[in-house]
């Protein structure tokens, strides 16, 4: 369970389905989540980032890609997460 992304809403704890594939943890999501924890990005913020369109990441059809849609592109996801972490993690956790 420590590898799982958890979203905290009120008193409840929820695990988003995007981190599962065929009933097991989807390794690209787990790897990205580990990176988010290193960057001190909170669980809820990471989960929202995974399903939100990335700024400046429009595909050929003009729609914006979400990190959850580009799980096969490791460098692009890692770079986007690092830039996101620099902007959105709580200021007291920035290095």
C-alpha atoms as a PDB file:
ATOM      1  CA  UNK A   1       0.000   0.000   0.000  1.00  0.00           C
ATOM      2  CA  UNK A   2       2.959   2.350   0.487  1.00  0.00           C
ATOM      3  CA  UNK A   3       3.484   2.320  -3.283  1.00  0.00           C
ATOM      4  CA  UNK A   4      -0.105   3.411  -3.918  1.00  0.00           C
ATOM      5  CA  UNK A   5      -1.213   6.921  -4.750  1.00  0.00           C
ATOM      6  CA  UNK A   6      -3.805   7.867  -2.191  1.00  0.00           C
ATOM      7  CA  UNK A   7      -6.264  10.729  -2.342  1.00  0.00           C
ATOM      8  CA  UNK A   8      -7.572  12.081   0.925  1.00  0.00           C
ATOM      9  CA  UNK A   9     -11.081  13.547   0.885  1.00  0.00           C
ATOM     10  CA  UNK A  10     -12.500  14.442   4.264  1.00  0.00           C
ATOM     11  CA  UNK A  11     -12.076  11.378   6.463  1.00  0.00           C
ATOM     12  CA  UNK A  12     -11.845   9.016   3.469  1.00  0.00           C
ATOM     13  CA  UNK A  13      -8.842   7.623   1.624  1.00  0.00           C
ATOM     14  CA  UNK A  14      -9.220   6.659  -2.025  1.00  0.00           C
ATOM     15  CA  UNK A  15      -6.865   5.063  -4.571  1.00  0.00           C
ATOM     16  CA  UNK A  16      -7.262   6.309  -8.166  1.00  0.00           C
ATOM     17  CA  UNK A  17      -7.749   3.589 -10.749  1.00  0.00           C
ATOM     18  CA  UNK A  18      -5.174   5.055 -13.154  1.00  0.00           C
ATOM     19  CA  UNK A  19      -2.422   3.367 -11.152  1.00  0.00           C
ATOM     20  CA  UNK A  20      -3.743  -0.135 -11.842  1.00  0.00           C
ATOM     21  CA  UNK A  21      -3.417  -2.253 -14.964  1.00  0.00           C
ATOM     22  CA  UNK A  22      -4.892  -5.739 -15.124  1.00  0.00           C
ATOM     23  CA  UNK A  23      -5.306  -5.765 -11.345  1.00  0.00           C
ATOM     24  CA  UNK A  24      -1.664  -4.937 -10.559  1.00  0.00           C
ATOM     25  CA  UNK A  25       0.147  -1.677 -10.015  1.00  0.00           C
ATOM     26  CA  UNK A  26       1.063  -0.057 -13.328  1.00  0.00           C
ATOM     27  CA  UNK A  27       4.829   0.369 -13.024  1.00  0.00           C
ATOM     28  CA  UNK A  28       5.145   3.655 -14.993  1.00  0.00           C
ATOM     29  CA  UNK A  29       2.684   5.255 -12.549  1.00  0.00           C
ATOM     30  CA  UNK A  30       4.476   3.768  -9.531  1.00  0.00           C
ATOM     31  CA  UNK A  31       7.819   5.099 -10.826  1.00  0.00           C
ATOM     32  CA  UNK A  32       6.352   8.533 -11.437  1.00  0.00           C
ATOM     33  CA  UNK A  33       4.721   8.536  -8.010  1.00  0.00           C
ATOM     34  CA  UNK A  34       8.060   7.667  -6.378  1.00  0.00           C
ATOM     35  CA  UNK A  35       9.571  10.650  -8.197  1.00  0.00           C
ATOM     36  CA  UNK A  36       6.726  12.848  -6.935  1.00  0.00           C
ATOM     37  CA  UNK A  37       7.434  11.740  -3.366  1.00  0.00           C
ATOM     38  CA  UNK A  38      11.123  12.614  -3.861  1.00  0.00           C
ATOM     39  CA  UNK A  39      10.033  16.065  -5.054  1.00  0.00           C
ATOM     40  CA  UNK A  40       7.722  16.312  -2.017  1.00  0.00           C
ATOM     41  CA  UNK A  41       4.601  16.692  -4.150  1.00  0.00           C
ATOM     42  CA  UNK A  42       1.572  15.753  -1.979  1.00  0.00           C
ATOM     43  CA  UNK A  43      -0.536  12.713  -2.968  1.00  0.00           C
ATOM     44  CA  UNK A  44      -3.656  14.732  -3.794  1.00  0.00           C
ATOM     45  CA  UNK A  45      -1.676  17.196  -5.911  1.00  0.00           C
ATOM     46  CA  UNK A  46       0.058  14.365  -7.797  1.00  0.00           C
ATOM     47  CA  UNK A  47      -3.272  12.626  -8.499  1.00  0.00           C
ATOM     48  CA  UNK A  48      -4.769  15.860  -9.854  1.00  0.00           C
ATOM     49  CA  UNK A  49      -1.669  16.432 -12.016  1.00  0.00           C
ATOM     50  CA  UNK A  50      -1.932  12.933 -13.510  1.00  0.00           C
ATOM     51  CA  UNK A  51      -5.388  13.635 -14.939  1.00  0.00           C
ATOM     52  CA  UNK A  52      -4.955  17.315 -15.877  1.00  0.00           C
ATOM     53  CA  UNK A  53      -3.865  18.500 -19.323  1.00  0.00           C
ATOM     54  CA  UNK A  54      -0.234  19.570 -19.415  1.00  0.00           C
ATOM     55  CA  UNK A  55       0.489  23.134 -20.431  1.00  0.00           C
ATOM     56  CA  UNK A  56       2.170  23.288 -23.815  1.00  0.00           C
ATOM     57  CA  UNK A  57       1.768  19.548 -24.478  1.00  0.00           C
ATOM     58  CA  UNK A  58      -0.769  19.625 -27.297  1.00  0.00           C
ATOM     59  CA  UNK A  59      -0.828  16.564 -29.520  1.00  0.00           C
ATOM     60  CA  UNK A  60      -1.260  16.532 -33.318  1.00  0.00           C
ATOM     61  CA  UNK A  61      -5.044  16.892 -33.003  1.00  0.00           C
ATOM     62  CA  UNK A  62      -4.572  19.995 -30.845  1.00  0.00           C
ATOM     63  CA  UNK A  63      -5.872  18.439 -27.648  1.00  0.00           C
ATOM     64  CA  UNK A  64      -3.754  18.645 -24.529  1.00  0.00           C
ATOM     65  CA  UNK A  65      -2.101  15.473 -23.282  1.00  0.00           C
ATOM     66  CA  UNK A  66      -2.433  14.369 -19.679  1.00  0.00           C
ATOM     67  CA  UNK A  67       0.359  12.489 -17.886  1.00  0.00           C
ATOM     68  CA  UNK A  68      -1.943   9.478 -17.551  1.00  0.00           C
ATOM     69  CA  UNK A  69      -2.244   9.462 -21.378  1.00  0.00           C
ATOM     70  CA  UNK A  70       1.523   9.443 -21.991  1.00  0.00           C
ATOM     71  CA  UNK A  71       2.724   6.631 -19.743  1.00  0.00           C
ATOM     72  CA  UNK A  72       5.021   5.324 -22.480  1.00  0.00           C
ATOM     73  CA  UNK A  73       7.052   8.545 -22.641  1.00  0.00           C
ATOM     74  CA  UNK A  74       9.245   8.391 -19.538  1.00  0.00           C
ATOM     75  CA  UNK A  75      11.535  11.418 -20.119  1.00  0.00           C
ATOM     76  CA  UNK A  76       8.632  13.700 -21.064  1.00  0.00           C
ATOM     77  CA  UNK A  77       6.636  12.663 -17.971  1.00  0.00           C
ATOM     78  CA  UNK A  78       9.632  13.004 -15.632  1.00  0.00           C
ATOM     79  CA  UNK A  79      10.470  16.469 -16.965  1.00  0.00           C
ATOM     80  CA  UNK A  80       6.853  17.616 -16.732  1.00  0.00           C
ATOM     81  CA  UNK A  81       6.579  16.332 -13.151  1.00  0.00           C
ATOM     82  CA  UNK A  82       9.790  18.057 -12.095  1.00  0.00           C
ATOM     83  CA  UNK A  83       8.599  21.363 -13.560  1.00  0.00           C
ATOM     84  CA  UNK A  84       5.204  20.894 -11.919  1.00  0.00           C
ATOM     85  CA  UNK A  85       6.791  20.078  -8.557  1.00  0.00           C
ATOM     86  CA  UNK A  86       8.882  23.212  -8.715  1.00  0.00           C
ATOM     87  CA  UNK A  87       5.730  25.299  -9.131  1.00  0.00           C
ATOM     88  CA  UNK A  88       3.082  23.576  -7.026  1.00  0.00           C
ATOM     89  CA  UNK A  89       4.468  21.746  -4.026  1.00  0.00           C
ATOM     90  CA  UNK A  90       4.086  23.575  -0.723  1.00  0.00           C
ATOM     91  CA  UNK A  91       6.756  26.260  -0.368  1.00  0.00           C
ATOM     92  CA  UNK A  92       8.020  24.933   2.975  1.00  0.00           C
ATOM     93  CA  UNK A  93       8.955  21.663   1.219  1.00  0.00           C
ATOM     94  CA  UNK A  94      10.891  23.251  -1.652  1.00  0.00           C
ATOM     95  CA  UNK A  95      14.635  22.836  -1.662  1.00  0.00           C
END
